[in-house]
Amino acid sequence: MEASEAAVREFIARINGHDVDGIVALSTPEHRFVDGLGQVLTGHDPLRAAWSAYLKIFPDYRIEIESLAVAGALVLAAGSASGSVAPGTPQEQHWRIPAAWRAQVKGDLIDAWQVYADNTPVFELLKRNQSNQLDGL
């Protein structure tokens, strides 16, 4: 296994383990994160805040890789992402979407992480969940 592939697999393991400090530790100081909408975060502090918030919203978030391609420091991964608004919620609160990730590795750290996914089902679930909470007021 190439070093860049190993770095990406470890990064994904930290994401799946909800280890925010580990995610940050495996990122370069100038790490660039691009979400599925094209929004960009740069640096450790914004990365830590974003992952902490995201994993609080989706406490069982998980990435599953089906295929991976490596070209030097560039790693492309394809698979799915899944989660739910809260663990133990009804099935309609769960989501699973096809996704792909592009990683640029620098040394043994992730310098860039870009997500490619249609987050529409996730946004619809959050909107529905928010409406349900407001109905109960």
N, C-alpha and C. Protein backbone atom coordinates (compact mmCIF):
# COMPACT_ATOMS: atom_id res chain seq x y z
N MET A 1 0.85 -1.18 0.00
CA MET A 1 0.00 0.00 0.00
C MET A 1 0.90 1.24 0.00
N GLU A 2 0.58 2.16 -0.90
CA GLU A 2 1.36 3.41 -0.97
C GLU A 2 1.09 4.26 0.27
N ALA A 3 2.06 5.10 0.60
CA ALA A 3 1.94 5.96 1.79
C ALA A 3 0.73 6.88 1.70
N SER A 4 0.43 7.42 0.52
CA SER A 4 -0.71 8.32 0.38
C SER A 4 -2.03 7.57 0.61
N GLU A 5 -2.12 6.34 0.13
CA GLU A 5 -3.32 5.54 0.38
C GLU A 5 -3.47 5.26 1.88
N ALA A 6 -2.36 4.91 2.53
CA ALA A 6 -2.41 4.64 3.96
C ALA A 6 -2.87 5.88 4.74
N ALA A 7 -2.38 7.06 4.34
CA ALA A 7 -2.78 8.30 5.01
C ALA A 7 -4.28 8.54 4.86
N VAL A 8 -4.82 8.32 3.67
CA VAL A 8 -6.25 8.52 3.43
C VAL A 8 -7.08 7.50 4.21
N ARG A 9 -6.65 6.27 4.19
CA ARG A 9 -7.40 5.24 4.94
C ARG A 9 -7.40 5.56 6.44
N GLU A 10 -6.30 6.05 6.96
CA GLU A 10 -6.25 6.43 8.39
C GLU A 10 -7.14 7.64 8.65
N PHE A 11 -7.15 8.61 7.74
CA PHE A 11 -8.01 9.79 7.86
C PHE A 11 -9.48 9.37 7.91
N ILE A 12 -9.87 8.46 7.02
CA ILE A 12 -11.24 7.97 7.00
C ILE A 12 -11.55 7.21 8.29
N ALA A 13 -10.60 6.45 8.79
CA ALA A 13 -10.80 5.74 10.05
C ALA A 13 -11.05 6.72 11.20
N ARG A 14 -10.34 7.84 11.19
CA ARG A 14 -10.55 8.87 12.23
C ARG A 14 -11.92 9.51 12.07
N ILE A 15 -12.35 9.74 10.82
CA ILE A 15 -13.69 10.28 10.58
C ILE A 15 -14.74 9.29 11.11
N ASN A 16 -14.61 8.03 10.71
CA ASN A 16 -15.57 7.01 11.15
C ASN A 16 -15.53 6.80 12.66
N GLY A 17 -14.40 7.06 13.27
CA GLY A 17 -14.28 6.95 14.72
C GLY A 17 -14.70 8.22 15.45
N HIS A 18 -15.10 9.23 14.68
CA HIS A 18 -15.53 10.53 15.24
C HIS A 18 -14.46 11.13 16.13
N ASP A 19 -13.23 10.94 15.71
CA ASP A 19 -12.05 11.42 16.43
C ASP A 19 -11.61 12.76 15.82
N VAL A 20 -12.26 13.84 16.28
CA VAL A 20 -11.98 15.16 15.71
C VAL A 20 -10.52 15.55 15.90
N ASP A 21 -9.97 15.31 17.08
CA ASP A 21 -8.56 15.64 17.30
C ASP A 21 -7.66 14.83 16.37
N GLY A 22 -8.03 13.58 16.12
CA GLY A 22 -7.28 12.74 15.20
C GLY A 22 -7.37 13.22 13.76
N ILE A 23 -8.55 13.69 13.36
CA ILE A 23 -8.74 14.25 12.02
C ILE A 23 -7.81 15.45 11.85
N VAL A 24 -7.82 16.32 12.83
CA VAL A 24 -6.98 17.53 12.78
C VAL A 24 -5.51 17.15 12.79
N ALA A 25 -5.13 16.19 13.61
CA ALA A 25 -3.73 15.78 13.70
C ALA A 25 -3.21 15.20 12.38
N LEU A 26 -4.10 14.62 11.59
CA LEU A 26 -3.71 14.04 10.31
C LEU A 26 -3.81 15.05 9.17
N SER A 27 -4.08 16.31 9.49
CA SER A 27 -4.23 17.37 8.49
C SER A 27 -3.06 18.34 8.57
N THR A 28 -2.62 18.81 7.41
CA THR A 28 -1.56 19.83 7.42
C THR A 28 -2.12 21.11 8.04
N PRO A 29 -1.26 21.99 8.57
CA PRO A 29 -1.74 23.25 9.14
C PRO A 29 -2.54 24.10 8.15
N GLU A 30 -2.20 23.99 6.87
CA GLU A 30 -2.92 24.76 5.85
C GLU A 30 -3.98 23.92 5.14
N HIS A 31 -4.42 22.85 5.79
CA HIS A 31 -5.41 21.93 5.24
C HIS A 31 -6.59 22.69 4.63
N ARG A 32 -7.02 22.22 3.47
CA ARG A 32 -8.14 22.83 2.75
C ARG A 32 -9.25 21.79 2.62
N PHE A 33 -10.40 22.08 3.22
CA PHE A 33 -11.56 21.20 3.16
C PHE A 33 -12.61 21.85 2.27
N VAL A 34 -13.11 21.10 1.28
CA VAL A 34 -14.15 21.60 0.39
C VAL A 34 -15.34 20.65 0.52
N ASP A 35 -16.49 21.20 0.95
CA ASP A 35 -17.65 20.34 1.11
C ASP A 35 -18.38 20.13 -0.21
N GLY A 36 -19.46 19.37 -0.17
CA GLY A 36 -20.21 19.03 -1.37
C GLY A 36 -20.86 20.21 -2.06
N LEU A 37 -20.95 21.34 -1.38
CA LEU A 37 -21.52 22.56 -1.97
C LEU A 37 -20.45 23.50 -2.48
N GLY A 38 -19.19 23.11 -2.30
CA GLY A 38 -18.08 23.95 -2.75
C GLY A 38 -17.60 24.96 -1.73
N GLN A 39 -18.13 24.91 -0.52
CA GLN A 39 -17.68 25.81 0.53
C GLN A 39 -16.31 25.34 1.03
N VAL A 40 -15.42 26.29 1.27
CA VAL A 40 -14.04 25.97 1.61
C VAL A 40 -13.71 26.41 3.03
N LEU A 41 -13.05 25.52 3.75
CA LEU A 41 -12.48 25.83 5.07
C LEU A 41 -10.99 25.61 4.98
N THR A 42 -10.22 26.47 5.62
CA THR A 42 -8.77 26.32 5.60
C THR A 42 -8.23 26.43 7.03
N GLY A 43 -7.38 25.49 7.40
CA GLY A 43 -6.71 25.55 8.69
C GLY A 43 -7.35 24.67 9.76
N HIS A 44 -6.60 24.45 10.81
CA HIS A 44 -7.00 23.53 11.87
C HIS A 44 -8.22 23.99 12.66
N ASP A 45 -8.28 25.25 13.06
CA ASP A 45 -9.39 25.70 13.91
C ASP A 45 -10.74 25.59 13.20
N PRO A 46 -10.87 26.09 11.96
CA PRO A 46 -12.14 25.92 11.26
C PRO A 46 -12.48 24.44 11.01
N LEU A 47 -11.46 23.63 10.74
CA LEU A 47 -11.66 22.20 10.51
C LEU A 47 -12.19 21.54 11.77
N ARG A 48 -11.59 21.83 12.90
CA ARG A 48 -12.02 21.26 14.18
C ARG A 48 -13.47 21.66 14.47
N ALA A 49 -13.79 22.93 14.30
CA ALA A 49 -15.15 23.41 14.58
C ALA A 49 -16.18 22.75 13.65
N ALA A 50 -15.84 22.65 12.37
CA ALA A 50 -16.77 22.07 11.41
C ALA A 50 -17.03 20.59 11.68
N TRP A 51 -15.97 19.81 11.89
CA TRP A 51 -16.15 18.39 12.17
C TRP A 51 -16.89 18.17 13.49
N SER A 52 -16.59 18.96 14.50
CA SER A 52 -17.28 18.83 15.78
C SER A 52 -18.77 19.06 15.61
N ALA A 53 -19.13 20.12 14.88
CA ALA A 53 -20.54 20.43 14.66
C ALA A 53 -21.22 19.35 13.83
N TYR A 54 -20.57 18.91 12.76
CA TYR A 54 -21.17 17.93 11.86
C TYR A 54 -21.41 16.61 12.58
N LEU A 55 -20.44 16.17 13.37
CA LEU A 55 -20.59 14.91 14.07
C LEU A 55 -21.56 15.01 15.24
N LYS A 56 -21.85 16.20 15.68
CA LYS A 56 -22.89 16.38 16.70
C LYS A 56 -24.26 16.26 16.04
N ILE A 57 -24.41 16.81 14.83
CA ILE A 57 -25.67 16.71 14.10
C ILE A 57 -25.93 15.27 13.66
N PHE A 58 -24.87 14.60 13.18
CA PHE A 58 -24.97 13.23 12.68
C PHE A 58 -24.04 12.33 13.51
N PRO A 59 -24.48 11.91 14.70
CA PRO A 59 -23.60 11.19 15.63
C PRO A 59 -23.17 9.80 15.18
N ASP A 60 -23.76 9.30 14.09
CA ASP A 60 -23.32 8.00 13.58
C ASP A 60 -22.85 8.11 12.13
N TYR A 61 -22.37 9.30 11.76
CA TYR A 61 -21.85 9.52 10.40
C TYR A 61 -20.76 8.52 10.09
N ARG A 62 -20.76 8.06 8.84
CA ARG A 62 -19.80 7.03 8.44
C ARG A 62 -19.53 7.12 6.95
N ILE A 63 -18.28 6.89 6.58
CA ILE A 63 -17.86 6.79 5.18
C ILE A 63 -17.53 5.33 4.89
N GLU A 64 -18.05 4.82 3.78
CA GLU A 64 -17.72 3.47 3.33
C GLU A 64 -17.10 3.58 1.94
N ILE A 65 -15.91 3.07 1.79
CA ILE A 65 -15.18 3.14 0.53
C ILE A 65 -15.37 1.84 -0.25
N GLU A 66 -15.77 1.98 -1.51
CA GLU A 66 -15.92 0.83 -2.39
C GLU A 66 -14.74 0.70 -3.35
N SER A 67 -14.17 1.84 -3.76
CA SER A 67 -13.01 1.80 -4.64
C SER A 67 -12.11 2.99 -4.35
N LEU A 68 -10.85 2.80 -4.65
CA LEU A 68 -9.85 3.81 -4.36
C LEU A 68 -8.80 3.79 -5.46
N ALA A 69 -8.40 4.98 -5.92
CA ALA A 69 -7.36 5.09 -6.95
C ALA A 69 -6.28 6.03 -6.43
N VAL A 70 -5.04 5.66 -6.66
CA VAL A 70 -3.91 6.44 -6.16
C VAL A 70 -3.00 6.80 -7.32
N ALA A 71 -2.63 8.08 -7.38
CA ALA A 71 -1.65 8.56 -8.36
C ALA A 71 -0.71 9.48 -7.61
N GLY A 72 0.33 8.91 -7.03
CA GLY A 72 1.27 9.70 -6.23
C GLY A 72 0.61 10.24 -4.99
N ALA A 73 0.58 11.56 -4.88
CA ALA A 73 0.00 12.21 -3.70
C ALA A 73 -1.50 12.43 -3.82
N LEU A 74 -2.07 12.09 -4.98
CA LEU A 74 -3.51 12.26 -5.20
C LEU A 74 -4.23 10.93 -4.98
N VAL A 75 -5.28 10.97 -4.15
CA VAL A 75 -6.07 9.77 -3.89
C VAL A 75 -7.53 10.10 -4.15
N LEU A 76 -8.18 9.26 -4.96
CA LEU A 76 -9.61 9.40 -5.23
C LEU A 76 -10.31 8.20 -4.64
N ALA A 77 -11.38 8.45 -3.90
CA ALA A 77 -12.14 7.38 -3.27
C ALA A 77 -13.60 7.52 -3.65
N ALA A 78 -14.28 6.39 -3.82
CA ALA A 78 -15.70 6.39 -4.13
C ALA A 78 -16.40 5.39 -3.23
N GLY A 79 -17.61 5.74 -2.85
CA GLY A 79 -18.38 4.86 -1.99
C GLY A 79 -19.66 5.54 -1.56
N SER A 80 -19.91 5.54 -0.26
CA SER A 80 -21.12 6.17 0.26
C SER A 80 -20.85 6.78 1.62
N ALA A 81 -21.71 7.73 1.95
CA ALA A 81 -21.71 8.34 3.28
C ALA A 81 -23.09 8.10 3.87
N SER A 82 -23.15 7.90 5.17
CA SER A 82 -24.44 7.66 5.80
C SER A 82 -24.44 8.23 7.20
N GLY A 83 -25.64 8.35 7.73
CA GLY A 83 -25.79 8.85 9.08
C GLY A 83 -27.26 8.98 9.42
N SER A 84 -27.51 9.52 10.59
CA SER A 84 -28.87 9.82 11.02
C SER A 84 -28.81 11.04 11.92
N VAL A 85 -29.98 11.63 12.12
CA VAL A 85 -30.05 12.83 12.96
C VAL A 85 -29.69 12.48 14.39
N ALA A 86 -30.05 11.31 14.84
CA ALA A 86 -29.71 10.86 16.19
C ALA A 86 -29.73 9.34 16.22
N PRO A 87 -28.84 8.73 17.00
CA PRO A 87 -28.84 7.27 17.05
C PRO A 87 -30.15 6.76 17.63
N GLY A 88 -30.58 5.62 17.12
CA GLY A 88 -31.80 5.01 17.62
C GLY A 88 -33.07 5.63 17.07
N THR A 89 -32.95 6.52 16.09
CA THR A 89 -34.13 7.16 15.51
C THR A 89 -34.77 6.22 14.50
N PRO A 90 -36.04 6.48 14.16
CA PRO A 90 -36.70 5.64 13.15
C PRO A 90 -35.94 5.66 11.83
N GLN A 91 -36.16 4.63 11.03
CA GLN A 91 -35.44 4.47 9.76
C GLN A 91 -35.56 5.70 8.87
N GLU A 92 -36.68 6.40 8.91
CA GLU A 92 -36.85 7.57 8.04
C GLU A 92 -35.91 8.71 8.43
N GLN A 93 -35.27 8.61 9.57
CA GLN A 93 -34.30 9.62 10.00
C GLN A 93 -32.90 9.31 9.48
N HIS A 94 -32.73 8.15 8.86
CA HIS A 94 -31.42 7.74 8.34
C HIS A 94 -31.26 8.16 6.88
N TRP A 95 -30.03 8.41 6.50
CA TRP A 95 -29.72 8.73 5.12
C TRP A 95 -28.46 8.00 4.70
N ARG A 96 -28.39 7.75 3.41
CA ARG A 96 -27.21 7.13 2.80
C ARG A 96 -27.14 7.66 1.38
N ILE A 97 -26.00 8.24 1.02
CA ILE A 97 -25.86 8.83 -0.30
C ILE A 97 -24.56 8.36 -0.96
N PRO A 98 -24.58 8.22 -2.29
CA PRO A 98 -23.32 7.95 -2.99
C PRO A 98 -22.41 9.17 -2.83
N ALA A 99 -21.13 8.92 -2.73
CA ALA A 99 -20.20 10.03 -2.55
C ALA A 99 -18.82 9.65 -3.08
N ALA A 100 -18.04 10.68 -3.32
CA ALA A 100 -16.64 10.50 -3.72
C ALA A 100 -15.82 11.54 -2.99
N TRP A 101 -14.55 11.25 -2.81
CA TRP A 101 -13.65 12.14 -2.10
C TRP A 101 -12.35 12.24 -2.87
N ARG A 102 -11.79 13.44 -2.86
CA ARG A 102 -10.49 13.69 -3.49
C ARG A 102 -9.56 14.17 -2.38
N ALA A 103 -8.46 13.48 -2.21
CA ALA A 103 -7.49 13.85 -1.18
C ALA A 103 -6.15 14.17 -1.81
N GLN A 104 -5.54 15.22 -1.34
CA GLN A 104 -4.16 15.55 -1.71
C GLN A 104 -3.33 15.31 -0.46
N VAL A 105 -2.35 14.44 -0.58
CA VAL A 105 -1.53 14.06 0.57
C VAL A 105 -0.18 14.76 0.48
N LYS A 106 0.27 15.24 1.63
CA LYS A 106 1.57 15.91 1.72
C LYS A 106 2.34 15.24 2.85
N GLY A 107 3.38 14.50 2.48
CA GLY A 107 4.07 13.69 3.48
C GLY A 107 3.14 12.57 3.90
N ASP A 108 2.80 12.53 5.19
CA ASP A 108 1.82 11.55 5.64
C ASP A 108 0.56 12.23 6.18
N LEU A 109 0.35 13.50 5.76
CA LEU A 109 -0.81 14.27 6.21
C LEU A 109 -1.72 14.62 5.03
N ILE A 110 -2.97 14.87 5.34
CA ILE A 110 -3.95 15.25 4.32
C ILE A 110 -3.89 16.77 4.17
N ASP A 111 -3.51 17.21 2.98
CA ASP A 111 -3.39 18.64 2.69
C ASP A 111 -4.71 19.21 2.15
N ALA A 112 -5.48 18.38 1.46
CA ALA A 112 -6.78 18.81 0.94
C ALA A 112 -7.72 17.63 0.95
N TRP A 113 -8.98 17.91 1.27
CA TRP A 113 -10.03 16.89 1.30
C TRP A 113 -11.26 17.50 0.67
N GLN A 114 -11.70 16.95 -0.45
CA GLN A 114 -12.86 17.49 -1.14
C GLN A 114 -13.92 16.41 -1.26
N VAL A 115 -15.15 16.80 -0.96
CA VAL A 115 -16.30 15.90 -0.98
C VAL A 115 -17.12 16.16 -2.24
N TYR A 116 -17.52 15.09 -2.91
CA TYR A 116 -18.42 15.18 -4.05
C TYR A 116 -19.65 14.34 -3.71
N ALA A 117 -20.78 15.00 -3.44
CA ALA A 117 -22.00 14.29 -3.09
C ALA A 117 -23.20 15.19 -3.29
N ASP A 118 -24.32 14.57 -3.62
CA ASP A 118 -25.59 15.28 -3.67
C ASP A 118 -26.20 15.17 -2.28
N ASN A 119 -26.14 16.26 -1.53
CA ASN A 119 -26.61 16.27 -0.15
C ASN A 119 -28.10 16.55 -0.02
N THR A 120 -28.84 16.58 -1.12
CA THR A 120 -30.27 16.88 -1.07
C THR A 120 -31.02 16.01 -0.07
N PRO A 121 -30.83 14.68 -0.05
CA PRO A 121 -31.56 13.87 0.94
C PRO A 121 -31.23 14.26 2.39
N VAL A 122 -30.01 14.66 2.63
CA VAL A 122 -29.60 15.06 3.97
C VAL A 122 -30.30 16.37 4.36
N PHE A 123 -30.30 17.34 3.45
CA PHE A 123 -30.95 18.62 3.71
C PHE A 123 -32.45 18.44 3.92
N GLU A 124 -33.08 17.57 3.12
CA GLU A 124 -34.51 17.32 3.28
C GLU A 124 -34.81 16.70 4.63
N LEU A 125 -33.97 15.78 5.07
CA LEU A 125 -34.14 15.16 6.38
C LEU A 125 -34.01 16.20 7.49
N LEU A 126 -33.01 17.07 7.40
CA LEU A 126 -32.83 18.11 8.41
C LEU A 126 -34.02 19.07 8.42
N LYS A 127 -34.52 19.42 7.25
CA LYS A 127 -35.66 20.33 7.15
C LYS A 127 -36.90 19.68 7.76
N ARG A 128 -37.14 18.41 7.43
CA ARG A 128 -38.29 17.68 7.96
C ARG A 128 -38.17 17.56 9.48
N ASN A 129 -36.97 17.26 9.96
CA ASN A 129 -36.75 17.12 11.40
C ASN A 129 -37.01 18.44 12.12
N GLN A 130 -36.55 19.55 11.53
CA GLN A 130 -36.76 20.87 12.12
C GLN A 130 -38.26 21.21 12.15
N SER A 131 -38.99 20.89 11.08
CA SER A 131 -40.43 21.13 11.04
C SER A 131 -41.14 20.32 12.12
N ASN A 132 -40.74 19.07 12.29
CA ASN A 132 -41.35 18.21 13.31
C ASN A 132 -41.11 18.77 14.70
N GLN A 133 -39.91 19.31 14.94
CA GLN A 133 -39.60 19.89 16.25
C GLN A 133 -40.44 21.14 16.49
N LEU A 134 -40.64 21.95 15.46
CA LEU A 134 -41.44 23.17 15.59
C LEU A 134 -42.91 22.85 15.79
N ASP A 135 -43.39 21.75 15.19
CA ASP A 135 -44.79 21.33 15.37
C ASP A 135 -45.08 20.98 16.82
N GLY A 136 -44.06 20.52 17.53
CA GLY A 136 -44.24 20.11 18.93
C GLY A 136 -44.24 21.27 19.91
N LEU A 137 -44.00 22.50 19.43
CA LEU A 137 -43.96 23.66 20.33
C LEU A 137 -45.34 24.20 20.61
